[in-house]
C-alpha atoms as a PDB file:
ATOM      1  CA  UNK A   1     -25.888  -8.290  49.434  1.00  0.00           C
ATOM      2  CA  UNK A   2     -26.333 -10.432  46.322  1.00  0.00           C
ATOM      3  CA  UNK A   3     -27.058  -7.297  44.306  1.00  0.00           C
ATOM      4  CA  UNK A   4     -23.598  -5.914  45.156  1.00  0.00           C
ATOM      5  CA  UNK A   5     -21.912  -9.041  43.820  1.00  0.00           C
ATOM      6  CA  UNK A   6     -24.063  -9.042  40.720  1.00  0.00           C
ATOM      7  CA  UNK A   7     -23.140  -5.419  39.963  1.00  0.00           C
ATOM      8  CA  UNK A   8     -19.467  -6.192  40.622  1.00  0.00           C
ATOM      9  CA  UNK A   9     -19.653  -9.148  38.260  1.00  0.00           C
ATOM     10  CA  UNK A  10     -20.864  -6.899  35.439  1.00  0.00           C
ATOM     11  CA  UNK A  11     -18.296  -4.169  36.162  1.00  0.00           C
ATOM     12  CA  UNK A  12     -15.192  -6.388  36.329  1.00  0.00           C
ATOM     13  CA  UNK A  13     -14.661  -6.587  32.545  1.00  0.00           C
ATOM     14  CA  UNK A  14     -14.635  -2.789  32.399  1.00  0.00           C
ATOM     15  CA  UNK A  15     -11.665  -2.588  34.763  1.00  0.00           C
ATOM     16  CA  UNK A  16      -9.401  -4.429  32.340  1.00  0.00           C
ATOM     17  CA  UNK A  17     -10.605  -2.382  29.383  1.00  0.00           C
ATOM     18  CA  UNK A  18      -9.638   0.896  31.035  1.00  0.00           C
ATOM     19  CA  UNK A  19      -5.959   0.015  31.519  1.00  0.00           C
ATOM     20  CA  UNK A  20      -3.283   1.429  29.258  1.00  0.00           C
ATOM     21  CA  UNK A  21       0.011  -0.213  28.340  1.00  0.00           C
ATOM     22  CA  UNK A  22       3.258   1.753  28.450  1.00  0.00           C
ATOM     23  CA  UNK A  23       6.438   0.390  26.879  1.00  0.00           C
ATOM     24  CA  UNK A  24       9.782   1.737  25.689  1.00  0.00           C
ATOM     25  CA  UNK A  25      10.711   1.345  22.047  1.00  0.00           C
ATOM     26  CA  UNK A  26      14.217   0.470  20.840  1.00  0.00           C
ATOM     27  CA  UNK A  27      15.198   4.149  20.802  1.00  0.00           C
ATOM     28  CA  UNK A  28      14.199   4.584  24.449  1.00  0.00           C
ATOM     29  CA  UNK A  29      11.019   6.533  23.711  1.00  0.00           C
ATOM     30  CA  UNK A  30       7.977   5.876  25.862  1.00  0.00           C
ATOM     31  CA  UNK A  31       4.966   4.652  23.929  1.00  0.00           C
ATOM     32  CA  UNK A  32       1.532   4.376  25.534  1.00  0.00           C
ATOM     33  CA  UNK A  33      -1.141   2.178  24.001  1.00  0.00           C
ATOM     34  CA  UNK A  34      -4.819   2.263  24.943  1.00  0.00           C
ATOM     35  CA  UNK A  35      -5.030  -1.505  24.431  1.00  0.00           C
ATOM     36  CA  UNK A  36      -2.673  -4.381  23.625  1.00  0.00           C
ATOM     37  CA  UNK A  37      -1.203  -4.187  20.139  1.00  0.00           C
ATOM     38  CA  UNK A  38      -2.844  -6.570  17.688  1.00  0.00           C
ATOM     39  CA  UNK A  39      -0.261  -6.121  14.920  1.00  0.00           C
ATOM     40  CA  UNK A  40       3.355  -4.982  14.842  1.00  0.00           C
ATOM     41  CA  UNK A  41       5.878  -3.437  12.495  1.00  0.00           C
ATOM     42  CA  UNK A  42       9.008  -5.535  12.089  1.00  0.00           C
ATOM     43  CA  UNK A  43      12.161  -3.458  11.851  1.00  0.00           C
ATOM     44  CA  UNK A  44      13.913  -6.481  10.395  1.00  0.00           C
ATOM     45  CA  UNK A  45      12.031  -9.028   8.337  1.00  0.00           C
ATOM     46  CA  UNK A  46      13.855 -11.963   9.871  1.00  0.00           C
ATOM     47  CA  UNK A  47      12.047 -11.229  13.149  1.00  0.00           C
ATOM     48  CA  UNK A  48       9.199 -13.262  11.660  1.00  0.00           C
ATOM     49  CA  UNK A  49      11.122 -16.282  12.950  1.00  0.00           C
ATOM     50  CA  UNK A  50      10.520 -15.075  16.521  1.00  0.00           C
ATOM     51  CA  UNK A  51       6.859 -14.367  15.772  1.00  0.00           C
ATOM     52  CA  UNK A  52       6.550 -17.901  14.448  1.00  0.00           C
ATOM     53  CA  UNK A  53       7.449 -19.161  17.919  1.00  0.00           C
ATOM     54  CA  UNK A  54       4.664 -17.040  19.427  1.00  0.00           C
ATOM     55  CA  UNK A  55       1.908 -17.726  16.888  1.00  0.00           C
ATOM     56  CA  UNK A  56       1.129 -20.430  14.316  1.00  0.00           C
ATOM     57  CA  UNK A  57       0.236 -17.719  11.782  1.00  0.00           C
ATOM     58  CA  UNK A  58       2.903 -15.047  12.308  1.00  0.00           C
ATOM     59  CA  UNK A  59       1.885 -13.127   9.179  1.00  0.00           C
ATOM     60  CA  UNK A  60      -1.430 -12.226  10.842  1.00  0.00           C
ATOM     61  CA  UNK A  61       0.512 -10.266  13.488  1.00  0.00           C
ATOM     62  CA  UNK A  62       2.451  -8.107  11.021  1.00  0.00           C
ATOM     63  CA  UNK A  63       1.260  -4.661   9.927  1.00  0.00           C
ATOM     64  CA  UNK A  64       4.447  -3.914   7.946  1.00  0.00           C
ATOM     65  CA  UNK A  65       8.043  -5.073   7.663  1.00  0.00           C
ATOM     66  CA  UNK A  66      11.280  -4.202   5.959  1.00  0.00           C
ATOM     67  CA  UNK A  67      12.250  -5.970   2.750  1.00  0.00           C
ATOM     68  CA  UNK A  68      15.558  -7.350   4.020  1.00  0.00           C
ATOM     69  CA  UNK A  69      14.070 -10.776   4.735  1.00  0.00           C
ATOM     70  CA  UNK A  70      13.355 -11.377   1.043  1.00  0.00           C
ATOM     71  CA  UNK A  71      17.103 -11.398   0.406  1.00  0.00           C
ATOM     72  CA  UNK A  72      17.808 -14.304   2.765  1.00  0.00           C
ATOM     73  CA  UNK A  73      17.635 -18.004   1.988  1.00  0.00           C
ATOM     74  CA  UNK A  74      14.931 -18.589   4.625  1.00  0.00           C
ATOM     75  CA  UNK A  75      12.416 -16.496   2.688  1.00  0.00           C
ATOM     76  CA  UNK A  76      11.698 -19.235   0.127  1.00  0.00           C
ATOM     77  CA  UNK A  77      10.980 -21.704   2.940  1.00  0.00           C
ATOM     78  CA  UNK A  78       8.608 -19.305   4.678  1.00  0.00           C
ATOM     79  CA  UNK A  79       6.914 -18.438   1.397  1.00  0.00           C
ATOM     80  CA  UNK A  80       6.274 -22.136   0.746  1.00  0.00           C
ATOM     81  CA  UNK A  81       4.872 -22.704   4.249  1.00  0.00           C
ATOM     82  CA  UNK A  82       3.022 -19.374   4.588  1.00  0.00           C
ATOM     83  CA  UNK A  83       1.995 -17.953   1.187  1.00  0.00           C
ATOM     84  CA  UNK A  84       0.674 -14.798   2.901  1.00  0.00           C
ATOM     85  CA  UNK A  85       4.317 -13.811   3.530  1.00  0.00           C
ATOM     86  CA  UNK A  86       4.499 -12.630  -0.075  1.00  0.00           C
ATOM     87  CA  UNK A  87       1.598 -10.157   0.254  1.00  0.00           C
END
């Protein structure tokens, strides 16, 4: 009986790894990911403000972004606080 629980204990992490994630993008297309996304593409650069609410280092979550944010007045503030924004 204990052997069953021991085997189950080792197999539980594999159950979570096998799940896929399906979401709809802004155009209504279905996108299926094999695992949670680690980085995102920002369609609008000012969305970094939202990411800043979710993570203390929002730049680490960004794979790419549009250049529109560099035109706004907030960009200088973010650049001062997070130098990686400029990379």
